[in-house]
């Protein structure tokens, strides 16, 4: 999947995430997951920032 926009909290961040639709064997753990650019989004789970 190419990079896409993220819309949340009333804002829009272009090219906020990327994925590996056909990863090499050593990257299979990332298959079917969205990866977010740390310099473009701030993610929190239960009040703690995820890095």
N, C-alpha and C. Protein backbone atom coordinates (compact mmCIF):
# COMPACT_ATOMS: atom_id res chain seq x y z
N UNK A 1 0.86 -1.17 0.00
CA UNK A 1 0.00 0.00 0.00
C UNK A 1 0.89 1.23 0.00
N UNK A 2 0.60 2.17 -0.86
CA UNK A 2 1.37 3.40 -0.84
C UNK A 2 1.05 4.22 0.40
N UNK A 3 1.87 5.20 0.67
CA UNK A 3 1.63 6.06 1.82
C UNK A 3 0.26 6.71 1.69
N UNK A 4 -0.37 6.97 2.84
CA UNK A 4 -1.70 7.56 2.81
C UNK A 4 -1.86 8.64 3.86
N UNK A 5 -2.99 9.32 3.78
CA UNK A 5 -3.27 10.40 4.72
C UNK A 5 -3.96 9.84 5.96
N UNK A 6 -3.70 10.46 7.08
CA UNK A 6 -4.32 10.12 8.34
C UNK A 6 -5.17 11.31 8.76
N UNK A 7 -6.43 11.04 9.09
CA UNK A 7 -7.33 12.09 9.54
C UNK A 7 -7.76 11.76 10.95
N UNK A 8 -7.45 12.65 11.90
CA UNK A 8 -7.80 12.43 13.31
C UNK A 8 -7.71 13.74 14.06
N UNK A 9 -8.53 13.88 15.07
CA UNK A 9 -8.48 15.07 15.91
C UNK A 9 -8.70 16.35 15.15
N UNK A 10 -9.45 16.29 14.07
CA UNK A 10 -9.73 17.49 13.29
C UNK A 10 -8.62 17.90 12.34
N UNK A 11 -7.56 17.11 12.27
CA UNK A 11 -6.46 17.43 11.37
C UNK A 11 -6.21 16.34 10.36
N UNK A 12 -5.39 16.66 9.37
CA UNK A 12 -5.04 15.70 8.32
C UNK A 12 -3.53 15.72 8.14
N UNK A 13 -2.92 14.53 8.16
CA UNK A 13 -1.47 14.40 7.95
C UNK A 13 -1.28 13.58 6.68
N UNK A 14 -0.72 14.20 5.66
CA UNK A 14 -0.47 13.51 4.39
C UNK A 14 0.72 12.58 4.52
N UNK A 15 0.67 11.43 3.88
CA UNK A 15 1.77 10.45 3.89
C UNK A 15 2.19 10.07 5.31
N UNK A 16 1.21 9.77 6.16
CA UNK A 16 1.47 9.45 7.56
C UNK A 16 1.86 8.00 7.79
N UNK A 17 1.52 7.11 6.84
CA UNK A 17 1.76 5.68 7.07
C UNK A 17 2.22 5.00 5.79
N UNK A 18 2.80 3.82 5.97
CA UNK A 18 3.23 3.00 4.84
C UNK A 18 3.10 1.53 5.23
N UNK A 19 3.20 0.64 4.27
CA UNK A 19 3.13 -0.79 4.55
C UNK A 19 3.98 -1.57 3.55
N UNK A 20 4.16 -2.85 3.82
CA UNK A 20 4.91 -3.74 2.94
C UNK A 20 3.96 -4.81 2.42
N UNK A 21 3.32 -4.61 1.27
CA UNK A 21 2.35 -5.58 0.78
C UNK A 21 2.96 -6.92 0.37
N UNK A 22 4.22 -6.92 -0.05
CA UNK A 22 4.91 -8.14 -0.49
C UNK A 22 6.32 -8.16 0.10
N UNK A 23 6.43 -8.33 1.43
CA UNK A 23 7.75 -8.24 2.06
C UNK A 23 8.64 -9.44 1.74
N UNK A 24 9.92 -9.18 1.87
CA UNK A 24 10.91 -10.25 1.74
C UNK A 24 10.79 -11.13 2.99
N UNK A 25 11.29 -12.35 2.97
CA UNK A 25 11.13 -13.27 4.11
C UNK A 25 11.57 -12.67 5.45
N UNK A 26 12.65 -11.89 5.46
CA UNK A 26 13.12 -11.33 6.72
C UNK A 26 12.24 -10.20 7.26
N UNK A 27 11.25 -9.76 6.47
CA UNK A 27 10.35 -8.68 6.90
C UNK A 27 8.90 -9.15 7.04
N UNK A 28 8.68 -10.45 7.09
CA UNK A 28 7.31 -10.97 7.16
C UNK A 28 6.54 -10.49 8.39
N UNK A 29 7.22 -10.16 9.46
CA UNK A 29 6.53 -9.67 10.67
C UNK A 29 5.80 -8.37 10.41
N UNK A 30 6.21 -7.61 9.40
CA UNK A 30 5.56 -6.33 9.07
C UNK A 30 4.43 -6.49 8.06
N UNK A 31 4.24 -7.68 7.51
CA UNK A 31 3.20 -7.89 6.50
C UNK A 31 1.82 -7.58 7.06
N UNK A 32 0.99 -6.95 6.26
CA UNK A 32 -0.39 -6.64 6.60
C UNK A 32 -0.53 -5.71 7.81
N UNK A 33 0.50 -4.94 8.10
CA UNK A 33 0.47 -3.94 9.17
C UNK A 33 0.70 -2.57 8.57
N UNK A 34 0.16 -1.56 9.19
CA UNK A 34 0.45 -0.18 8.80
C UNK A 34 1.56 0.34 9.71
N UNK A 35 2.52 1.01 9.12
CA UNK A 35 3.62 1.59 9.86
C UNK A 35 3.50 3.11 9.77
N UNK A 36 3.62 3.78 10.89
CA UNK A 36 3.47 5.23 10.92
C UNK A 36 4.82 5.90 11.05
N UNK A 37 4.98 7.01 10.35
CA UNK A 37 6.21 7.80 10.45
C UNK A 37 6.22 8.52 11.78
N UNK A 38 7.23 8.27 12.61
CA UNK A 38 7.31 8.85 13.94
C UNK A 38 7.43 10.35 13.97
N UNK A 39 7.92 10.93 12.88
CA UNK A 39 8.03 12.39 12.85
C UNK A 39 6.75 13.06 12.35
N UNK A 40 5.74 12.25 12.00
CA UNK A 40 4.49 12.81 11.49
C UNK A 40 3.29 12.55 12.39
N UNK A 41 3.37 11.55 13.25
CA UNK A 41 2.23 11.24 14.12
C UNK A 41 2.71 11.04 15.56
N UNK A 42 1.81 11.23 16.49
CA UNK A 42 2.05 11.02 17.91
C UNK A 42 1.02 9.99 18.34
N UNK A 43 1.46 8.79 18.72
CA UNK A 43 0.55 7.70 19.08
C UNK A 43 0.64 7.44 20.58
N UNK A 44 -0.52 7.35 21.22
CA UNK A 44 -0.58 7.03 22.65
C UNK A 44 -1.50 5.84 22.87
N UNK A 45 -1.11 4.96 23.80
CA UNK A 45 -1.93 3.84 24.23
C UNK A 45 -2.00 3.91 25.74
N UNK A 46 -3.21 3.99 26.26
CA UNK A 46 -3.43 4.11 27.70
C UNK A 46 -2.63 5.27 28.30
N UNK A 47 -2.57 6.38 27.57
CA UNK A 47 -1.91 7.57 28.07
C UNK A 47 -0.40 7.59 27.93
N UNK A 48 0.19 6.53 27.37
CA UNK A 48 1.65 6.48 27.20
C UNK A 48 2.02 6.54 25.72
N UNK A 49 3.00 7.38 25.43
CA UNK A 49 3.42 7.54 24.05
C UNK A 49 4.16 6.30 23.54
N UNK A 50 3.81 5.88 22.34
CA UNK A 50 4.43 4.74 21.69
C UNK A 50 5.50 5.29 20.75
N UNK A 51 6.68 4.75 20.83
CA UNK A 51 7.77 5.21 19.95
C UNK A 51 8.24 4.11 19.06
